[in-house]
PDB file of N, CA and C in Angstrom:
ATOM      1  N   MET A   1      50.424   5.568 -22.563  1.00  0.00           N
ATOM      2  CA  MET A   1      49.161   6.434 -23.113  1.00  0.00           C
ATOM      3  C   MET A   1      49.586   7.694 -22.931  1.00  0.00           C
ATOM      4  N   PRO A   2      50.689   8.333 -23.509  1.00  0.00           N
ATOM      5  CA  PRO A   2      51.034   9.540 -23.267  1.00  0.00           C
ATOM      6  C   PRO A   2      50.131  10.491 -24.344  1.00  0.00           C
ATOM      7  N   ASP A   3      49.362  10.017 -25.235  1.00  0.00           N
ATOM      8  CA  ASP A   3      48.518  10.917 -26.112  1.00  0.00           C
ATOM      9  C   ASP A   3      47.319  11.367 -25.321  1.00  0.00           C
ATOM     10  N   ILE A   4      46.868  10.605 -24.211  1.00  0.00           N
ATOM     11  CA  ILE A   4      45.793  11.000 -23.548  1.00  0.00           C
ATOM     12  C   ILE A   4      45.940  12.320 -22.673  1.00  0.00           C
ATOM     13  N   GLY A   5      45.329  13.234 -22.751  1.00  0.00           N
ATOM     14  CA  GLY A   5      45.405  14.329 -21.736  1.00  0.00           C
ATOM     15  C   GLY A   5      44.472  14.363 -20.500  1.00  0.00           C
ATOM     16  N   ILE A   6      44.778  15.072 -19.608  1.00  0.00           N
ATOM     17  CA  ILE A   6      43.898  15.157 -18.473  1.00  0.00           C
ATOM     18  C   ILE A   6      42.505  15.567 -18.648  1.00  0.00           C
ATOM     19  N   ASP A   7      42.215  16.375 -19.822  1.00  0.00           N
ATOM     20  CA  ASP A   7      40.974  16.719 -20.109  1.00  0.00           C
ATOM     21  C   ASP A   7      40.112  15.527 -20.621  1.00  0.00           C
ATOM     22  N   THR A   8      40.769  14.701 -21.399  1.00  0.00           N
ATOM     23  CA  THR A   8      40.295  13.463 -22.012  1.00  0.00           C
ATOM     24  C   THR A   8      39.767  12.542 -20.852  1.00  0.00           C
ATOM     25  N   LEU A   9      40.800  12.405 -20.052  1.00  0.00           N
ATOM     26  CA  LEU A   9      40.428  11.426 -18.905  1.00  0.00           C
ATOM     27  C   LEU A   9      39.363  11.949 -17.882  1.00  0.00           C
ATOM     28  N   SER A  10      39.206  13.225 -17.791  1.00  0.00           N
ATOM     29  CA  SER A  10      38.127  13.713 -16.951  1.00  0.00           C
ATOM     30  C   SER A  10      36.924  13.588 -17.669  1.00  0.00           C
ATOM     31  N   THR A  11      36.873  13.901 -19.063  1.00  0.00           N
ATOM     32  CA  THR A  11      35.512  13.669 -19.812  1.00  0.00           C
ATOM     33  C   THR A  11      35.178  12.263 -19.530  1.00  0.00           C
ATOM     34  N   ARG A  12      35.995  11.354 -19.777  1.00  0.00           N
ATOM     35  CA  ARG A  12      35.721   9.932 -19.702  1.00  0.00           C
ATOM     36  C   ARG A  12      35.054   9.507 -18.379  1.00  0.00           C
ATOM     37  N   ARG A  13      35.686   9.920 -17.428  1.00  0.00           N
ATOM     38  CA  ARG A  13      35.260   9.665 -15.873  1.00  0.00           C
ATOM     39  C   ARG A  13      33.834  10.398 -15.857  1.00  0.00           C
ATOM     40  N   ASP A  14      33.634  11.615 -16.256  1.00  0.00           N
ATOM     41  CA  ASP A  14      32.387  12.038 -16.061  1.00  0.00           C
ATOM     42  C   ASP A  14      31.251  11.371 -16.757  1.00  0.00           C
ATOM     43  N   LEU A  15      31.686  10.850 -17.985  1.00  0.00           N
ATOM     44  CA  LEU A  15      30.651   9.963 -18.889  1.00  0.00           C
ATOM     45  C   LEU A  15      30.367   8.750 -18.082  1.00  0.00           C
ATOM     46  N   MET A  16      31.378   8.005 -17.425  1.00  0.00           N
ATOM     47  CA  MET A  16      31.160   6.979 -16.551  1.00  0.00           C
ATOM     48  C   MET A  16      30.230   7.102 -15.478  1.00  0.00           C
ATOM     49  N   CYS A  17      30.469   8.170 -14.754  1.00  0.00           N
ATOM     50  CA  CYS A  17      29.694   8.557 -13.660  1.00  0.00           C
ATOM     51  C   CYS A  17      28.188   8.776 -13.971  1.00  0.00           C
ATOM     52  N   SER A  18      28.002   9.479 -15.029  1.00  0.00           N
ATOM     53  CA  SER A  18      26.610   9.651 -15.511  1.00  0.00           C
ATOM     54  C   SER A  18      25.949   8.489 -15.886  1.00  0.00           C
ATOM     55  N   TRP A  19      26.729   7.668 -16.690  1.00  0.00           N
ATOM     56  CA  TRP A  19      25.978   6.266 -17.171  1.00  0.00           C
ATOM     57  C   TRP A  19      25.662   5.466 -15.957  1.00  0.00           C
ATOM     58  N   SER A  20      26.564   5.445 -14.739  1.00  0.00           N
ATOM     59  CA  SER A  20      26.241   4.730 -13.671  1.00  0.00           C
ATOM     60  C   SER A  20      25.056   5.237 -12.970  1.00  0.00           C
ATOM     61  N   SER A  21      24.735   6.679 -13.035  1.00  0.00           N
ATOM     62  CA  SER A  21      23.740   7.309 -12.417  1.00  0.00           C
ATOM     63  C   SER A  21      22.419   7.058 -13.113  1.00  0.00           C
ATOM     64  N   ALA A  22      22.552   7.013 -14.483  1.00  0.00           N
ATOM     65  CA  ALA A  22      21.382   6.708 -15.390  1.00  0.00           C
ATOM     66  C   ALA A  22      20.955   5.272 -15.180  1.00  0.00           C
ATOM     67  N   GLN A  23      21.685   4.419 -14.944  1.00  0.00           N
ATOM     68  CA  GLN A  23      21.233   2.909 -14.798  1.00  0.00           C
ATOM     69  C   GLN A  23      20.839   2.649 -13.419  1.00  0.00           C
ATOM     70  N   ARG A  24      21.119   3.653 -12.523  1.00  0.00           N
ATOM     71  CA  ARG A  24      20.396   3.399 -11.094  1.00  0.00           C
ATOM     72  C   ARG A  24      19.146   2.984 -10.886  1.00  0.00           C
ATOM     73  N   LYS A  25      18.261   3.749 -11.609  1.00  0.00           N
ATOM     74  CA  LYS A  25      16.667   3.344 -11.692  1.00  0.00           C
ATOM     75  C   LYS A  25      16.387   2.081 -12.148  1.00  0.00           C
ATOM     76  N   ARG A  26      17.145   1.723 -13.170  1.00  0.00           N
ATOM     77  CA  ARG A  26      16.685   0.361 -13.836  1.00  0.00           C
ATOM     78  C   ARG A  26      17.232  -0.792 -12.964  1.00  0.00           C
ATOM     79  N   VAL A  27      18.312  -0.739 -12.286  1.00  0.00           N
ATOM     80  CA  VAL A  27      18.969  -1.669 -11.510  1.00  0.00           C
ATOM     81  C   VAL A  27      18.067  -1.773 -10.352  1.00  0.00           C
ATOM     82  N   LEU A  28      17.539  -0.737  -9.608  1.00  0.00           N
ATOM     83  CA  LEU A  28      16.638  -0.708  -8.615  1.00  0.00           C
ATOM     84  C   LEU A  28      15.244  -1.315  -8.932  1.00  0.00           C
ATOM     85  N   ARG A  29      14.717  -0.981 -10.007  1.00  0.00           N
ATOM     86  CA  ARG A  29      13.443  -1.468 -10.426  1.00  0.00           C
ATOM     87  C   ARG A  29      13.517  -3.001 -10.578  1.00  0.00           C
ATOM     88  N   ARG A  30      14.695  -3.555 -11.289  1.00  0.00           N
ATOM     89  CA  ARG A  30      14.928  -4.923 -11.395  1.00  0.00           C
ATOM     90  C   ARG A  30      15.107  -5.560 -10.185  1.00  0.00           C
ATOM     91  N   LYS A  31      15.780  -4.965  -9.191  1.00  0.00           N
ATOM     92  CA  LYS A  31      15.993  -5.542  -7.961  1.00  0.00           C
ATOM     93  C   LYS A  31      14.620  -5.741  -7.153  1.00  0.00           C
ATOM     94  N   LEU A  32      13.748  -4.830  -7.408  1.00  0.00           N
ATOM     95  CA  LEU A  32      12.352  -4.933  -6.828  1.00  0.00           C
ATOM     96  C   LEU A  32      11.502  -5.978  -7.423  1.00  0.00           C
ATOM     97  N   GLN A  33      11.627  -6.100  -8.732  1.00  0.00           N
ATOM     98  CA  GLN A  33      10.864  -7.278  -9.390  1.00  0.00           C
ATOM     99  C   GLN A  33      11.309  -8.520  -8.953  1.00  0.00           C
ATOM    100  N   LYS A  34      12.691  -8.661  -8.866  1.00  0.00           N
ATOM    101  CA  LYS A  34      13.248  -9.913  -8.377  1.00  0.00           C
ATOM    102  C   LYS A  34      12.833 -10.224  -7.072  1.00  0.00           C
ATOM    103  N   GLN A  35      12.607  -9.238  -6.138  1.00  0.00           N
ATOM    104  CA  GLN A  35      12.323  -9.517  -4.663  1.00  0.00           C
ATOM    105  C   GLN A  35      10.785  -9.850  -4.632  1.00  0.00           C
ATOM    106  N   GLU A  36       9.967  -9.298  -5.468  1.00  0.00           N
ATOM    107  CA  GLU A  36       8.558  -9.428  -5.508  1.00  0.00           C
ATOM    108  C   GLU A  36       8.463 -11.026  -6.128  1.00  0.00           C
ATOM    109  N   LYS A  37       9.145 -11.375  -7.118  1.00  0.00           N
ATOM    110  CA  LYS A  37       9.088 -12.719  -7.610  1.00  0.00           C
ATOM    111  C   LYS A  37       9.443 -13.653  -6.491  1.00  0.00           C
ATOM    112  N   ASP A  38      10.500 -13.461  -5.825  1.00  0.00           N
ATOM    113  CA  ASP A  38      10.843 -14.429  -4.645  1.00  0.00           C
ATOM    114  C   ASP A  38       9.886 -14.494  -3.733  1.00  0.00           C
ATOM    115  N   PHE A  39       9.408 -13.200  -3.235  1.00  0.00           N
ATOM    116  CA  PHE A  39       8.151 -13.245  -2.201  1.00  0.00           C
ATOM    117  C   PHE A  39       7.046 -14.012  -2.639  1.00  0.00           C
ATOM    118  N   LYS A  40       6.667 -13.954  -3.908  1.00  0.00           N
ATOM    119  CA  LYS A  40       5.389 -14.740  -4.262  1.00  0.00           C
ATOM    120  C   LYS A  40       5.859 -16.407  -4.086  1.00  0.00           C
ATOM    121  N   LYS A  41       6.965 -16.713  -4.265  1.00  0.00           N
ATOM    122  CA  LYS A  41       7.450 -18.049  -4.031  1.00  0.00           C
ATOM    123  C   LYS A  41       7.223 -18.471  -2.588  1.00  0.00           C
ATOM    124  N   LEU A  42       7.444 -17.722  -1.696  1.00  0.00           N
ATOM    125  CA  LEU A  42       7.468 -18.032  -0.300  1.00  0.00           C
ATOM    126  C   LEU A  42       6.237 -18.857   0.230  1.00  0.00           C
ATOM    127  N   VAL A  43       6.360 -19.644   0.986  1.00  0.00           N
ATOM    128  CA  VAL A  43       5.217 -20.627   1.669  1.00  0.00           C
ATOM    129  C   VAL A  43       4.480 -19.586   2.537  1.00  0.00           C
ATOM    130  N   THR A  44       3.250 -19.618   2.576  1.00  0.00           N
ATOM    131  CA  THR A  44       2.291 -18.858   3.355  1.00  0.00           C
ATOM    132  C   THR A  44       2.196 -19.749   4.775  1.00  0.00           C
ATOM    133  N   THR A  45       1.883 -18.909   5.780  1.00  0.00           N
ATOM    134  CA  THR A  45       1.746 -19.479   7.046  1.00  0.00           C
ATOM    135  C   THR A  45       0.738 -20.672   7.095  1.00  0.00           C
ATOM    136  N   GLU A  46      -0.412 -20.383   6.269  1.00  0.00           N
ATOM    137  CA  GLU A  46      -1.304 -21.570   6.360  1.00  0.00           C
ATOM    138  C   GLU A  46      -0.862 -22.764   5.684  1.00  0.00           C
ATOM    139  N   ASN A  47      -0.061 -22.617   4.515  1.00  0.00           N
ATOM    140  CA  ASN A  47       0.466 -23.868   3.757  1.00  0.00           C
ATOM    141  C   ASN A  47       1.518 -24.428   4.835  1.00  0.00           C
ATOM    142  N   LEU A  48       2.353 -23.777   5.483  1.00  0.00           N
ATOM    143  CA  LEU A  48       3.248 -24.303   6.406  1.00  0.00           C
ATOM    144  C   LEU A  48       2.611 -24.996   7.593  1.00  0.00           C
ATOM    145  N   TYR A  49       1.522 -24.475   8.101  1.00  0.00           N
ATOM    146  CA  TYR A  49       0.796 -25.150   9.143  1.00  0.00           C
ATOM    147  C   TYR A  49       0.212 -26.512   8.755  1.00  0.00           C
ATOM    148  N   GLN A  50      -0.201 -26.588   7.424  1.00  0.00           N
ATOM    149  CA  GLN A  50      -0.865 -27.678   6.907  1.00  0.00           C
ATOM    150  C   GLN A  50       0.211 -28.773   6.719  1.00  0.00           C
ATOM    151  N   VAL A  51       1.422 -28.421   6.268  1.00  0.00           N
ATOM    152  CA  VAL A  51       2.627 -29.312   6.127  1.00  0.00           C
ATOM    153  C   VAL A  51       2.955 -29.724   7.640  1.00  0.00           C
ATOM    154  N   CYS A  52       3.105 -28.906   8.698  1.00  0.00           N
ATOM    155  CA  CYS A  52       3.606 -29.155   9.865  1.00  0.00           C
ATOM    156  C   CYS A  52       2.516 -30.083  10.623  1.00  0.00           C
ATOM    157  N   HIS A  53       1.272 -30.045  10.366  1.00  0.00           N
ATOM    158  CA  HIS A  53       0.382 -30.658  11.144  1.00  0.00           C
ATOM    159  C   HIS A  53      -0.604 -31.494  10.174  1.00  0.00           C
ATOM    160  N   GLY A  54      -0.342 -31.802   9.042  1.00  0.00           N
ATOM    161  CA  GLY A  54      -1.033 -32.635   8.180  1.00  0.00           C
ATOM    162  C   GLY A  54      -0.582 -34.035   7.745  1.00  0.00           C
ATOM    163  N   ASP A  55      -1.356 -34.750   7.046  1.00  0.00           N
ATOM    164  CA  ASP A  55      -0.828 -36.159   6.677  1.00  0.00           C
ATOM    165  C   ASP A  55       0.552 -36.279   6.100  1.00  0.00           C
ATOM    166  N   GLN A  56       0.930 -34.950   5.362  1.00  0.00           N
ATOM    167  CA  GLN A  56       2.219 -35.097   4.734  1.00  0.00           C
ATOM    168  C   GLN A  56       3.289 -35.256   5.735  1.00  0.00           C
ATOM    169  N   ARG A  57       3.224 -34.666   6.991  1.00  0.00           N
ATOM    170  CA  ARG A  57       4.251 -34.661   7.900  1.00  0.00           C
ATOM    171  C   ARG A  57       4.039 -36.103   8.459  1.00  0.00           C
ATOM    172  N   ILE A  58       3.118 -36.678   8.613  1.00  0.00           N
ATOM    173  CA  ILE A  58       3.069 -37.932   9.190  1.00  0.00           C
ATOM    174  C   ILE A  58       3.700 -38.925   8.295  1.00  0.00           C
ATOM    175  N   ASN A  59       3.399 -38.948   7.025  1.00  0.00           N
ATOM    176  CA  ASN A  59       3.869 -39.844   5.972  1.00  0.00           C
ATOM    177  C   ASN A  59       5.428 -39.600   5.916  1.00  0.00           C
ATOM    178  N   ALA A  60       5.910 -38.304   6.028  1.00  0.00           N
ATOM    179  CA  ALA A  60       7.462 -38.075   5.895  1.00  0.00           C
ATOM    180  C   ALA A  60       8.067 -38.695   7.108  1.00  0.00           C
ATOM    181  N   VAL A  61       7.383 -38.657   8.331  1.00  0.00           N
ATOM    182  CA  VAL A  61       8.018 -39.327   9.561  1.00  0.00           C
ATOM    183  C   VAL A  61       8.209 -40.761   9.205  1.00  0.00           C
ATOM    184  N   LYS A  62       7.106 -41.400   8.843  1.00  0.00           N
ATOM    185  CA  LYS A  62       7.085 -42.811   8.644  1.00  0.00           C
ATOM    186  C   LYS A  62       8.060 -43.317   7.558  1.00  0.00           C
ATOM    187  N   GLN A  63       8.236 -42.342   6.485  1.00  0.00           N
ATOM    188  CA  GLN A  63       9.376 -42.803   5.456  1.00  0.00           C
ATOM    189  C   GLN A  63      10.700 -42.574   6.176  1.00  0.00           C
ATOM    190  N   PHE A  64      10.990 -41.695   7.080  1.00  0.00           N
ATOM    191  CA  PHE A  64      12.345 -41.526   7.691  1.00  0.00           C
ATOM    192  C   PHE A  64      12.476 -42.676   8.516  1.00  0.00           C
ATOM    193  N   GLY A  65      11.400 -43.177   9.271  1.00  0.00           N
ATOM    194  CA  GLY A  65      11.539 -44.331  10.098  1.00  0.00           C
ATOM    195  C   GLY A  65      11.888 -45.632   9.346  1.00  0.00           C
ATOM    196  N   ASN A  66      11.180 -45.918   8.216  1.00  0.00           N
ATOM    197  CA  ASN A  66      11.468 -47.049   7.441  1.00  0.00           C
ATOM    198  C   ASN A  66      12.928 -46.901   6.763  1.00  0.00           C
ATOM    199  N   SER A  67      13.336 -45.869   6.429  1.00  0.00           N
ATOM    200  CA  SER A  67      14.661 -45.575   5.785  1.00  0.00           C
ATOM    201  C   SER A  67      15.810 -45.877   6.884  1.00  0.00           C
ATOM    202  N   SER A  68      15.314 -45.522   8.141  1.00  0.00           N
ATOM    203  CA  SER A  68      16.540 -45.771   9.218  1.00  0.00           C
ATOM    204  C   SER A  68      16.534 -47.249   9.540  1.00  0.00           C
ATOM    205  N   LYS A  69      15.588 -48.070   9.240  1.00  0.00           N
ATOM    206  CA  LYS A  69      15.616 -49.508   9.498  1.00  0.00           C
ATOM    207  C   LYS A  69      16.370 -50.359   8.415  1.00  0.00           C
ATOM    208  N   GLU A  70      16.871 -49.733   7.408  1.00  0.00           N
ATOM    209  CA  GLU A  70      17.388 -50.432   6.228  1.00  0.00           C
ATOM    210  C   GLU A  70      18.729 -51.050   6.793  1.00  0.00           C
ATOM    211  N   THR A  71      19.258 -52.170   6.415  1.00  0.00           N
ATOM    212  CA  THR A  71      20.527 -52.766   6.831  1.00  0.00           C
ATOM    213  C   THR A  71      21.518 -52.623   5.839  1.00  0.00           C
ATOM    214  N   SER A  72      22.640 -52.738   6.439  1.00  0.00           N
ATOM    215  CA  SER A  72      23.962 -52.559   5.403  1.00  0.00           C
ATOM    216  C   SER A  72      24.603 -53.950   5.760  1.00  0.00           C
ATOM    217  N   GLN A  73      24.883 -54.797   4.836  1.00  0.00           N
ATOM    218  CA  GLN A  73      25.525 -56.061   5.121  1.00  0.00           C
ATOM    219  C   GLN A  73      25.099 -56.740   6.426  1.00  0.00           C
ATOM    220  N   GLY A  74      23.672 -56.921   6.542  1.00  0.00           N
ATOM    221  CA  GLY A  74      23.211 -57.595   7.615  1.00  0.00           C
ATOM    222  C   GLY A  74      23.261 -56.834   8.990  1.00  0.00           C
ATOM    223  N   THR A  75      23.735 -55.561   9.066  1.00  0.00           N
ATOM    224  CA  THR A  75      23.939 -54.963  10.264  1.00  0.00           C
ATOM    225  C   THR A  75      22.853 -53.626  10.195  1.00  0.00           C
ATOM    226  N   GLU A  76      22.161 -53.554  11.293  1.00  0.00           N
ATOM    227  CA  GLU A  76      21.087 -52.402  11.252  1.00  0.00           C
ATOM    228  C   GLU A  76      21.885 -51.028  11.171  1.00  0.00           C
ATOM    229  N   VAL A  77      21.464 -50.199  10.300  1.00  0.00           N
ATOM    230  CA  VAL A  77      22.126 -48.893  10.296  1.00  0.00           C
ATOM    231  C   VAL A  77      21.639 -47.802  11.029  1.00  0.00           C
TER     232      VAL A  77
END
């Protein structure tokens, strides 16, 4: 690249830096949108309490108990 001078390289570098700075706000806005979307998917404390202390928990424990009693070639697993 002997045809490219220092001035051209400096100009290109400045353009890249300004482009990066110009995109910073968009990137941060998108990051906040993704965080908000993920936060809305989180389980609330009320729902977590219901799962831990409700019928779903009891049924899950029963299912685990039943599946642990299955046999493999006549021997209990």
